[in-house]
Amino acid sequence: MIQKKICMLGAFAVGKTSLVERFVKSIFSDKYLTTVGVKIDKKTVELDGESVNLILWDIQGDDELQTFRTSYLKGASGFILVADQTRAGTLDTAERLCRTAVGTSRQTPFLLAVNKSDLTIDPDFDPVRLTRLESDGWHIVHTSAKTGWGVDEAFSWLARKLTGK
């Protein structure tokens, strides 16, 4: 059986934990729980008749006071950057974290999950900037942990990228 470690990276309260909970357990909770350090979950997916264990490392949110430890990225096969479309500044954090993660784990596949797509977009969240990131090679998926929209698509895309399927 293939095992792949995926790290969830983003600012605090962007929905990293909610995306993992939606993907792994098909649930959503309105209660905000701060992740301290890292929380690890696992889900087995079937890709072209082969079982793949995804080990999901939900890493605490990054902000001015608390930054994640790059040691969490060791052994990562890929990562998901999460930004909250209701808070434009979280895209800045995602880009900064991407530079750090790519610097630590070269050639590691990743995607950007633009989360909370069921809510009104922040007027400062620039869609042109997303287009620029896509032209720079970023894979972007709009997600909603609340409704489940785009969640399976995001994890499946990355799992396929990691396994070449």
C-alpha atoms as a PDB file:
ATOM      1  CA  MET A   1       0.000   0.000   0.000  1.00  0.00           C
ATOM      2  CA  ILE A   2       1.236   3.475  -0.887  1.00  0.00           C
ATOM      3  CA  GLN A   3       1.441   6.099   1.891  1.00  0.00           C
ATOM      4  CA  LYS A   4       1.706   9.830   1.244  1.00  0.00           C
ATOM      5  CA  LYS A   5       2.163  12.581   3.824  1.00  0.00           C
ATOM      6  CA  ILE A   6       0.282  15.788   3.024  1.00  0.00           C
ATOM      7  CA  CYS A   7       0.760  18.964   5.079  1.00  0.00           C
ATOM      8  CA  MET A   8      -2.024  21.534   5.441  1.00  0.00           C
ATOM      9  CA  LEU A   9      -0.590  25.075   5.589  1.00  0.00           C
ATOM     10  CA  GLY A  10      -2.214  28.476   6.002  1.00  0.00           C
ATOM     11  CA  ALA A  11      -3.028  31.364   8.301  1.00  0.00           C
ATOM     12  CA  PHE A  12      -5.062  30.789  11.449  1.00  0.00           C
ATOM     13  CA  ALA A  13      -8.813  30.234  10.990  1.00  0.00           C
ATOM     14  CA  VAL A  14      -8.722  29.674   7.205  1.00  0.00           C
ATOM     15  CA  GLY A  15     -10.397  26.275   7.573  1.00  0.00           C
ATOM     16  CA  LYS A  16      -7.534  23.765   7.413  1.00  0.00           C
ATOM     17  CA  THR A  17      -9.009  21.590  10.160  1.00  0.00           C
ATOM     18  CA  SER A  18     -12.512  21.912   8.699  1.00  0.00           C
ATOM     19  CA  LEU A  19     -11.289  20.798   5.270  1.00  0.00           C
ATOM     20  CA  VAL A  20      -9.599  17.750   6.794  1.00  0.00           C
ATOM     21  CA  GLU A  21     -12.689  16.906   8.864  1.00  0.00           C
ATOM     22  CA  ARG A  22     -14.922  17.239   5.787  1.00  0.00           C
ATOM     23  CA  PHE A  23     -12.615  15.038   3.711  1.00  0.00           C
ATOM     24  CA  VAL A  24     -11.913  12.369   6.337  1.00  0.00           C
ATOM     25  CA  LYS A  25     -15.223  12.215   8.226  1.00  0.00           C
ATOM     26  CA  SER A  26     -17.700  14.048   5.946  1.00  0.00           C
ATOM     27  CA  ILE A  27     -18.601  16.414   8.780  1.00  0.00           C
ATOM     28  CA  PHE A  28     -18.520  20.158   9.425  1.00  0.00           C
ATOM     29  CA  SER A  29     -18.706  22.005  12.724  1.00  0.00           C
ATOM     30  CA  ASP A  30     -19.233  25.744  13.239  1.00  0.00           C
ATOM     31  CA  LYS A  31     -17.155  25.561  16.423  1.00  0.00           C
ATOM     32  CA  TYR A  32     -13.666  27.004  16.006  1.00  0.00           C
ATOM     33  CA  LEU A  33     -10.947  24.886  17.563  1.00  0.00           C
ATOM     34  CA  THR A  34      -7.383  26.152  17.437  1.00  0.00           C
ATOM     35  CA  THR A  35      -4.852  23.554  16.329  1.00  0.00           C
ATOM     36  CA  VAL A  36      -1.855  23.493  18.647  1.00  0.00           C
ATOM     37  CA  GLY A  37       1.214  22.073  16.946  1.00  0.00           C
ATOM     38  CA  VAL A  38      -0.052  19.444  14.548  1.00  0.00           C
ATOM     39  CA  LYS A  39      -3.054  17.124  14.329  1.00  0.00           C
ATOM     40  CA  ILE A  40      -2.660  14.004  12.209  1.00  0.00           C
ATOM     41  CA  ASP A  41      -5.498  12.196  10.416  1.00  0.00           C
ATOM     42  CA  LYS A  42      -5.538   9.419   7.833  1.00  0.00           C
ATOM     43  CA  LYS A  43      -7.789   8.528   4.958  1.00  0.00           C
ATOM     44  CA  THR A  44      -7.420   5.687   2.476  1.00  0.00           C
ATOM     45  CA  VAL A  45      -8.497   6.498  -1.067  1.00  0.00           C
ATOM     46  CA  GLU A  46      -8.786   4.263  -4.096  1.00  0.00           C
ATOM     47  CA  LEU A  47      -7.004   5.465  -7.230  1.00  0.00           C
ATOM     48  CA  ASP A  48      -7.313   3.293 -10.311  1.00  0.00           C
ATOM     49  CA  GLY A  49      -7.871   0.192  -8.184  1.00  0.00           C
ATOM     50  CA  GLU A  50      -4.959   0.870  -5.828  1.00  0.00           C
ATOM     51  CA  SER A  51      -5.265   1.882  -2.164  1.00  0.00           C
ATOM     52  CA  VAL A  52      -3.390   5.001  -1.122  1.00  0.00           C
ATOM     53  CA  ASN A  53      -3.095   6.064   2.524  1.00  0.00           C
ATOM     54  CA  LEU A  54      -3.105   9.835   2.825  1.00  0.00           C
ATOM     55  CA  ILE A  55      -1.546  10.926   6.111  1.00  0.00           C
ATOM     56  CA  LEU A  56      -2.850  14.456   6.672  1.00  0.00           C
ATOM     57  CA  TRP A  57      -0.805  16.763   8.874  1.00  0.00           C
ATOM     58  CA  ASP A  58      -3.046  19.660   9.938  1.00  0.00           C
ATOM     59  CA  ILE A  59      -0.439  22.197  11.069  1.00  0.00           C
ATOM     60  CA  GLN A  60      -1.292  25.093  13.373  1.00  0.00           C
ATOM     61  CA  GLY A  61      -2.170  28.388  11.732  1.00  0.00           C
ATOM     62  CA  ASP A  62       0.531  30.851  10.869  1.00  0.00           C
ATOM     63  CA  ASP A  63       0.255  34.504  11.934  1.00  0.00           C
ATOM     64  CA  GLU A  64       2.377  37.362  13.258  1.00  0.00           C
ATOM     65  CA  LEU A  65       2.780  35.726  16.673  1.00  0.00           C
ATOM     66  CA  GLN A  66       3.061  32.052  15.770  1.00  0.00           C
ATOM     67  CA  THR A  67       4.859  30.499  12.807  1.00  0.00           C
ATOM     68  CA  PHE A  68       4.879  26.842  11.925  1.00  0.00           C
ATOM     69  CA  ARG A  69       7.970  24.695  12.302  1.00  0.00           C
ATOM     70  CA  THR A  70       9.534  23.698   9.012  1.00  0.00           C
ATOM     71  CA  SER A  71      10.449  20.372  10.644  1.00  0.00           C
ATOM     72  CA  TYR A  72       6.778  19.406  10.172  1.00  0.00           C
ATOM     73  CA  LEU A  73       7.435  19.356   6.424  1.00  0.00           C
ATOM     74  CA  LYS A  74      10.088  16.617   6.604  1.00  0.00           C
ATOM     75  CA  GLY A  75       8.985  13.603   4.615  1.00  0.00           C
ATOM     76  CA  ALA A  76       6.015  15.433   3.090  1.00  0.00           C
ATOM     77  CA  SER A  77       4.973  14.199  -0.333  1.00  0.00           C
ATOM     78  CA  GLY A  78       2.849  17.287  -0.954  1.00  0.00           C
ATOM     79  CA  PHE A  79       1.041  20.153   0.698  1.00  0.00           C
ATOM     80  CA  ILE A  80      -2.199  22.075   0.518  1.00  0.00           C
ATOM     81  CA  LEU A  81      -2.053  25.813   1.068  1.00  0.00           C
ATOM     82  CA  VAL A  82      -5.340  27.202   2.370  1.00  0.00           C
ATOM     83  CA  ALA A  83      -6.533  30.801   1.995  1.00  0.00           C
ATOM     84  CA  ASP A  84      -9.834  32.256   3.195  1.00  0.00           C
ATOM     85  CA  GLN A  85     -11.588  34.272   0.493  1.00  0.00           C
ATOM     86  CA  THR A  86     -13.264  36.381   3.201  1.00  0.00           C
ATOM     87  CA  ARG A  87      -9.842  37.592   4.440  1.00  0.00           C
ATOM     88  CA  ALA A  88      -7.571  38.831   1.645  1.00  0.00           C
ATOM     89  CA  GLY A  89      -4.457  38.838   3.832  1.00  0.00           C
ATOM     90  CA  THR A  90      -4.578  35.041   4.077  1.00  0.00           C
ATOM     91  CA  LEU A  91      -3.489  34.836   0.438  1.00  0.00           C
ATOM     92  CA  ASP A  92      -0.315  36.759   1.369  1.00  0.00           C
ATOM     93  CA  THR A  93       0.295  34.196   4.112  1.00  0.00           C
ATOM     94  CA  ALA A  94      -0.298  31.312   1.669  1.00  0.00           C
ATOM     95  CA  GLU A  95       2.231  32.733  -0.788  1.00  0.00           C
ATOM     96  CA  ARG A  96       4.825  33.232   1.968  1.00  0.00           C
ATOM     97  CA  LEU A  97       4.254  29.708   3.296  1.00  0.00           C
ATOM     98  CA  CYS A  98       4.609  28.340  -0.233  1.00  0.00           C
ATOM     99  CA  ARG A  99       8.031  29.964  -0.590  1.00  0.00           C
ATOM    100  CA  THR A 100       9.069  28.436   2.748  1.00  0.00           C
ATOM    101  CA  ALA A 101       7.657  24.989   1.953  1.00  0.00           C
ATOM    102  CA  VAL A 102       9.086  24.864  -1.567  1.00  0.00           C
ATOM    103  CA  GLY A 103      12.452  25.983  -0.162  1.00  0.00           C
ATOM    104  CA  THR A 104      12.320  23.132   2.361  1.00  0.00           C
ATOM    105  CA  SER A 105      10.859  20.441   0.096  1.00  0.00           C
ATOM    106  CA  ARG A 106      11.869  21.153  -3.486  1.00  0.00           C
ATOM    107  CA  GLN A 107       9.710  19.714  -6.259  1.00  0.00           C
ATOM    108  CA  THR A 108       6.908  18.922  -3.810  1.00  0.00           C
ATOM    109  CA  PRO A 109       3.481  19.079  -5.493  1.00  0.00           C
ATOM    110  CA  PHE A 110       0.992  21.463  -3.922  1.00  0.00           C
ATOM    111  CA  LEU A 111      -2.281  23.233  -4.524  1.00  0.00           C
ATOM    112  CA  LEU A 112      -4.053  26.292  -3.190  1.00  0.00           C
ATOM    113  CA  ALA A 113      -7.497  25.734  -1.675  1.00  0.00           C
ATOM    114  CA  VAL A 114      -9.437  29.007  -1.693  1.00  0.00           C
ATOM    115  CA  ASN A 115     -11.746  28.116   1.174  1.00  0.00           C
ATOM    116  CA  LYS A 116     -15.075  29.496   2.414  1.00  0.00           C
ATOM    117  CA  SER A 117     -16.308  29.809  -1.168  1.00  0.00           C
ATOM    118  CA  ASP A 118     -19.876  29.618   0.142  1.00  0.00           C
ATOM    119  CA  LEU A 119     -19.411  33.056   1.768  1.00  0.00           C
ATOM    120  CA  THR A 120     -19.161  36.557   0.327  1.00  0.00           C
ATOM    121  CA  ILE A 121     -15.734  37.293  -1.087  1.00  0.00           C
ATOM    122  CA  ASP A 122     -13.644  40.053   0.513  1.00  0.00           C
ATOM    123  CA  PRO A 123     -13.489  42.970  -1.962  1.00  0.00           C
ATOM    124  CA  ASP A 124      -9.708  43.047  -1.436  1.00  0.00           C
ATOM    125  CA  PHE A 125      -9.346  39.358  -2.411  1.00  0.00           C
ATOM    126  CA  ASP A 126      -8.097  39.876  -5.965  1.00  0.00           C
ATOM    127  CA  PRO A 127      -9.197  37.248  -8.543  1.00  0.00           C
ATOM    128  CA  VAL A 128      -6.581  38.642 -10.967  1.00  0.00           C
ATOM    129  CA  ARG A 129      -3.942  37.612  -8.451  1.00  0.00           C
ATOM    130  CA  LEU A 130      -5.306  34.051  -8.527  1.00  0.00           C
ATOM    131  CA  THR A 131      -5.065  34.081 -12.327  1.00  0.00           C
ATOM    132  CA  ARG A 132      -1.430  35.184 -12.042  1.00  0.00           C
ATOM    133  CA  LEU A 133      -0.686  32.365  -9.601  1.00  0.00           C
ATOM    134  CA  GLU A 134      -2.301  29.865 -11.991  1.00  0.00           C
ATOM    135  CA  SER A 135      -0.133  31.155 -14.827  1.00  0.00           C
ATOM    136  CA  ASP A 136       2.867  30.624 -12.509  1.00  0.00           C
ATOM    137  CA  GLY A 137       1.893  26.935 -12.258  1.00  0.00           C
ATOM    138  CA  TRP A 138      -0.260  26.924  -9.131  1.00  0.00           C
ATOM    139  CA  HIS A 139      -3.230  24.555  -9.127  1.00  0.00           C
ATOM    140  CA  ILE A 140      -6.170  26.345  -7.457  1.00  0.00           C
ATOM    141  CA  VAL A 141      -9.397  24.771  -6.199  1.00  0.00           C
ATOM    142  CA  HIS A 142     -12.256  26.772  -4.679  1.00  0.00           C
ATOM    143  CA  THR A 143     -13.569  24.909  -1.643  1.00  0.00           C
ATOM    144  CA  SER A 144     -16.164  25.087   1.094  1.00  0.00           C
ATOM    145  CA  ALA A 145     -15.642  22.873   4.116  1.00  0.00           C
ATOM    146  CA  LYS A 146     -19.189  23.778   5.168  1.00  0.00           C
ATOM    147  CA  THR A 147     -20.933  22.536   2.007  1.00  0.00           C
ATOM    148  CA  GLY A 148     -18.241  20.084   0.891  1.00  0.00           C
ATOM    149  CA  TRP A 149     -17.885  21.853  -2.454  1.00  0.00           C
ATOM    150  CA  GLY A 150     -14.469  21.206  -4.046  1.00  0.00           C
ATOM    151  CA  VAL A 151     -13.044  19.343  -1.028  1.00  0.00           C
ATOM    152  CA  ASP A 152     -12.830  15.858  -2.581  1.00  0.00           C
ATOM    153  CA  GLU A 153     -11.623  17.439  -5.820  1.00  0.00           C
ATOM    154  CA  ALA A 154      -8.709  19.143  -4.016  1.00  0.00           C
ATOM    155  CA  PHE A 155      -7.516  16.065  -2.136  1.00  0.00           C
ATOM    156  CA  SER A 156      -8.065  13.772  -5.134  1.00  0.00           C
ATOM    157  CA  TRP A 157      -6.123  16.057  -7.460  1.00  0.00           C
ATOM    158  CA  LEU A 158      -3.162  16.096  -5.085  1.00  0.00           C
ATOM    159  CA  ALA A 159      -3.326  12.335  -4.450  1.00  0.00           C
ATOM    160  CA  ARG A 160      -3.268  11.702  -8.218  1.00  0.00           C
ATOM    161  CA  LYS A 161      -0.375  14.127  -8.646  1.00  0.00           C
ATOM    162  CA  LEU A 162       1.576  12.353  -5.881  1.00  0.00           C
ATOM    163  CA  THR A 163       1.010   8.875  -7.308  1.00  0.00           C
ATOM    164  CA  GLY A 164       1.155   9.680 -11.009  1.00  0.00           C
ATOM    165  CA  LYS A 165      -2.345   8.233 -11.543  1.00  0.00           C
END
